[in-house]
Amino acid sequence: MKVHKIDHVGIVVNDLAKALAFFLDFGLELQGEGIVEGEWVDNVVGLHNVKDAYARLFRTFGAVFLLNSTCKTSI
């Protein structure tokens, strides 16, 4: 089966480095990566002390976001 188009796929992963290596080998290109945390993120997801590491990958058929998330307590 051939993938024709992906608009946006988000995947939560346990090991961001391994998942990133897999998708890079699959032919996607890294567009950016980083960490988001703080009050805004806590409010968006409804948890306290959230820290999300992410990687955004792209190919002509669409974008894939890999996310590794941690939090310590719920609201």
N, C-alpha and C. Protein backbone atom coordinates (compact mmCIF):
# COMPACT_ATOMS: atom_id res chain seq x y z
N MET A 1 0.84 -1.17 0.00
CA MET A 1 0.00 0.00 0.00
C MET A 1 0.89 1.24 0.00
N LYS A 2 0.53 2.23 -0.80
CA LYS A 2 1.29 3.46 -0.90
C LYS A 2 0.56 4.58 -0.16
N VAL A 3 1.28 5.34 0.66
CA VAL A 3 0.71 6.49 1.34
C VAL A 3 0.69 7.66 0.38
N HIS A 4 -0.47 8.24 0.18
CA HIS A 4 -0.60 9.37 -0.74
C HIS A 4 -0.58 10.71 -0.02
N LYS A 5 -1.18 10.77 1.17
CA LYS A 5 -1.22 12.04 1.89
C LYS A 5 -1.51 11.79 3.37
N ILE A 6 -0.79 12.50 4.24
CA ILE A 6 -1.07 12.55 5.67
C ILE A 6 -1.10 14.02 6.04
N ASP A 7 -2.21 14.48 6.61
CA ASP A 7 -2.28 15.89 7.00
C ASP A 7 -1.49 16.12 8.28
N HIS A 8 -1.75 15.30 9.28
CA HIS A 8 -1.09 15.49 10.57
C HIS A 8 -1.35 14.25 11.42
N VAL A 9 -0.30 13.65 11.90
CA VAL A 9 -0.42 12.50 12.78
C VAL A 9 0.43 12.77 14.01
N GLY A 10 -0.15 12.60 15.18
CA GLY A 10 0.58 12.75 16.44
C GLY A 10 0.73 11.38 17.09
N ILE A 11 1.94 11.05 17.50
CA ILE A 11 2.22 9.75 18.09
C ILE A 11 2.95 9.97 19.42
N VAL A 12 2.37 9.43 20.50
CA VAL A 12 3.02 9.48 21.81
C VAL A 12 3.95 8.28 21.92
N VAL A 13 5.21 8.52 22.27
CA VAL A 13 6.22 7.46 22.31
C VAL A 13 6.91 7.44 23.67
N ASN A 14 7.40 6.27 24.05
CA ASN A 14 8.16 6.14 25.29
C ASN A 14 9.61 6.57 25.13
N ASP A 15 10.17 6.34 23.95
CA ASP A 15 11.58 6.66 23.68
C ASP A 15 11.64 7.51 22.42
N LEU A 16 11.74 8.82 22.61
CA LEU A 16 11.72 9.75 21.49
C LEU A 16 12.90 9.52 20.54
N ALA A 17 14.07 9.25 21.06
CA ALA A 17 15.26 9.05 20.22
C ALA A 17 15.09 7.83 19.30
N LYS A 18 14.58 6.73 19.84
CA LYS A 18 14.38 5.53 19.02
C LYS A 18 13.29 5.75 17.98
N ALA A 19 12.20 6.40 18.37
CA ALA A 19 11.11 6.66 17.43
C ALA A 19 11.58 7.61 16.33
N LEU A 20 12.35 8.60 16.70
CA LEU A 20 12.88 9.55 15.72
C LEU A 20 13.78 8.83 14.71
N ALA A 21 14.65 7.96 15.20
CA ALA A 21 15.53 7.20 14.30
C ALA A 21 14.71 6.34 13.33
N PHE A 22 13.65 5.71 13.83
CA PHE A 22 12.80 4.87 12.99
C PHE A 22 12.18 5.69 11.85
N PHE A 23 11.60 6.84 12.18
CA PHE A 23 10.92 7.64 11.16
C PHE A 23 11.91 8.31 10.20
N LEU A 24 13.10 8.65 10.68
CA LEU A 24 14.12 9.17 9.77
C LEU A 24 14.55 8.09 8.78
N ASP A 25 14.70 6.86 9.25
CA ASP A 25 15.02 5.74 8.36
C ASP A 25 13.90 5.47 7.37
N PHE A 26 12.67 5.78 7.78
CA PHE A 26 11.49 5.60 6.94
C PHE A 26 11.42 6.65 5.83
N GLY A 27 12.29 7.68 5.92
CA GLY A 27 12.36 8.68 4.86
C GLY A 27 11.80 10.04 5.20
N LEU A 28 11.33 10.23 6.44
CA LEU A 28 10.84 11.54 6.81
C LEU A 28 12.01 12.44 7.18
N GLU A 29 11.79 13.74 7.11
CA GLU A 29 12.84 14.71 7.40
C GLU A 29 12.48 15.46 8.69
N LEU A 30 13.47 15.66 9.55
CA LEU A 30 13.26 16.38 10.80
C LEU A 30 13.13 17.87 10.50
N GLN A 31 12.03 18.48 10.96
CA GLN A 31 11.83 19.92 10.78
C GLN A 31 12.08 20.69 12.06
N GLY A 32 11.99 20.02 13.19
CA GLY A 32 12.24 20.72 14.44
C GLY A 32 12.00 19.82 15.63
N GLU A 33 12.60 20.19 16.74
CA GLU A 33 12.39 19.44 17.98
C GLU A 33 12.62 20.38 19.14
N GLY A 34 12.07 20.02 20.28
CA GLY A 34 12.25 20.88 21.44
C GLY A 34 11.48 20.35 22.64
N ILE A 35 11.32 21.23 23.62
CA ILE A 35 10.62 20.90 24.86
C ILE A 35 9.64 22.03 25.15
N VAL A 36 8.43 21.65 25.53
CA VAL A 36 7.45 22.64 25.98
C VAL A 36 7.05 22.29 27.40
N GLU A 37 6.92 23.30 28.23
CA GLU A 37 6.51 23.11 29.62
C GLU A 37 6.03 24.43 30.17
N GLY A 38 5.42 24.39 31.32
CA GLY A 38 4.97 25.61 31.97
C GLY A 38 3.46 25.65 32.14
N GLU A 39 2.97 26.77 32.67
CA GLU A 39 1.57 26.93 33.03
C GLU A 39 0.64 26.75 31.83
N TRP A 40 1.02 27.31 30.68
CA TRP A 40 0.16 27.19 29.49
C TRP A 40 -0.06 25.73 29.12
N VAL A 41 1.00 24.94 29.07
CA VAL A 41 0.88 23.52 28.72
C VAL A 41 0.07 22.79 29.79
N ASP A 42 0.31 23.08 31.05
CA ASP A 42 -0.46 22.46 32.14
C ASP A 42 -1.95 22.71 31.95
N ASN A 43 -2.32 23.95 31.61
CA ASN A 43 -3.72 24.30 31.41
C ASN A 43 -4.32 23.61 30.18
N VAL A 44 -3.57 23.50 29.12
CA VAL A 44 -4.06 22.88 27.90
C VAL A 44 -4.36 21.40 28.12
N VAL A 45 -3.49 20.68 28.80
CA VAL A 45 -3.68 19.23 28.97
C VAL A 45 -4.37 18.87 30.29
N GLY A 46 -4.54 19.85 31.20
CA GLY A 46 -5.25 19.60 32.44
C GLY A 46 -4.45 18.85 33.49
N LEU A 47 -3.14 18.96 33.45
CA LEU A 47 -2.26 18.32 34.43
C LEU A 47 -1.25 19.33 34.94
N HIS A 48 -0.60 19.03 36.06
CA HIS A 48 0.45 19.89 36.61
C HIS A 48 1.82 19.34 36.25
N ASN A 49 2.78 20.23 36.13
CA ASN A 49 4.19 19.88 35.91
C ASN A 49 4.42 19.04 34.65
N VAL A 50 3.74 19.41 33.58
CA VAL A 50 3.90 18.70 32.31
C VAL A 50 5.18 19.17 31.64
N LYS A 51 5.90 18.22 31.08
CA LYS A 51 7.10 18.52 30.29
C LYS A 51 7.05 17.61 29.07
N ASP A 52 6.88 18.20 27.90
CA ASP A 52 6.76 17.44 26.65
C ASP A 52 7.97 17.67 25.77
N ALA A 53 8.63 16.60 25.40
CA ALA A 53 9.68 16.66 24.38
C ALA A 53 9.01 16.25 23.08
N TYR A 54 9.31 16.96 22.00
CA TYR A 54 8.64 16.66 20.72
C TYR A 54 9.63 16.72 19.56
N ALA A 55 9.22 16.08 18.49
CA ALA A 55 9.95 16.17 17.22
C ALA A 55 8.91 16.27 16.12
N ARG A 56 9.11 17.18 15.17
CA ARG A 56 8.21 17.34 14.03
C ARG A 56 8.95 16.85 12.79
N LEU A 57 8.33 15.89 12.13
CA LEU A 57 8.91 15.32 10.91
C LEU A 57 7.99 15.62 9.74
N PHE A 58 8.56 15.71 8.56
CA PHE A 58 7.78 16.08 7.39
C PHE A 58 8.21 15.28 6.18
N ARG A 59 7.28 15.04 5.33
CA ARG A 59 7.52 14.46 4.01
C ARG A 59 6.46 15.08 3.10
N THR A 60 6.61 14.98 1.83
CA THR A 60 5.67 15.64 0.92
C THR A 60 4.23 15.21 1.15
N PHE A 61 4.01 14.03 1.73
CA PHE A 61 2.65 13.56 1.96
C PHE A 61 2.08 14.03 3.30
N GLY A 62 2.85 14.71 4.14
CA GLY A 62 2.30 15.23 5.39
C GLY A 62 3.29 15.30 6.52
N ALA A 63 2.76 15.58 7.73
CA ALA A 63 3.60 15.79 8.91
C ALA A 63 3.30 14.77 9.98
N VAL A 64 4.34 14.38 10.71
CA VAL A 64 4.21 13.47 11.85
C VAL A 64 4.84 14.17 13.05
N PHE A 65 4.11 14.19 14.17
CA PHE A 65 4.63 14.76 15.41
C PHE A 65 4.84 13.62 16.39
N LEU A 66 6.05 13.49 16.91
CA LEU A 66 6.36 12.51 17.94
C LEU A 66 6.40 13.25 19.27
N LEU A 67 5.81 12.66 20.31
CA LEU A 67 5.70 13.34 21.59
C LEU A 67 6.03 12.39 22.72
N ASN A 68 6.91 12.83 23.61
CA ASN A 68 7.22 12.09 24.83
C ASN A 68 6.85 13.02 25.98
N SER A 69 5.87 12.62 26.77
CA SER A 69 5.32 13.51 27.79
C SER A 69 5.52 12.95 29.19
N THR A 70 5.80 13.86 30.14
CA THR A 70 5.88 13.47 31.55
C THR A 70 5.11 14.49 32.37
N CYS A 71 4.51 14.04 33.44
CA CYS A 71 3.89 14.94 34.41
C CYS A 71 3.95 14.27 35.76
N LYS A 72 3.88 15.08 36.81
CA LYS A 72 4.03 14.54 38.15
C LYS A 72 2.70 14.38 38.89
N THR A 73 1.74 15.29 38.65
CA THR A 73 0.47 15.22 39.37
C THR A 73 -0.67 15.66 38.47
N SER A 74 -1.88 15.21 38.79
CA SER A 74 -3.06 15.66 38.05
C SER A 74 -3.72 16.81 38.78
N ILE A 75 -4.54 17.54 38.09
CA ILE A 75 -5.26 18.68 38.67
C ILE A 75 -6.44 18.16 39.47
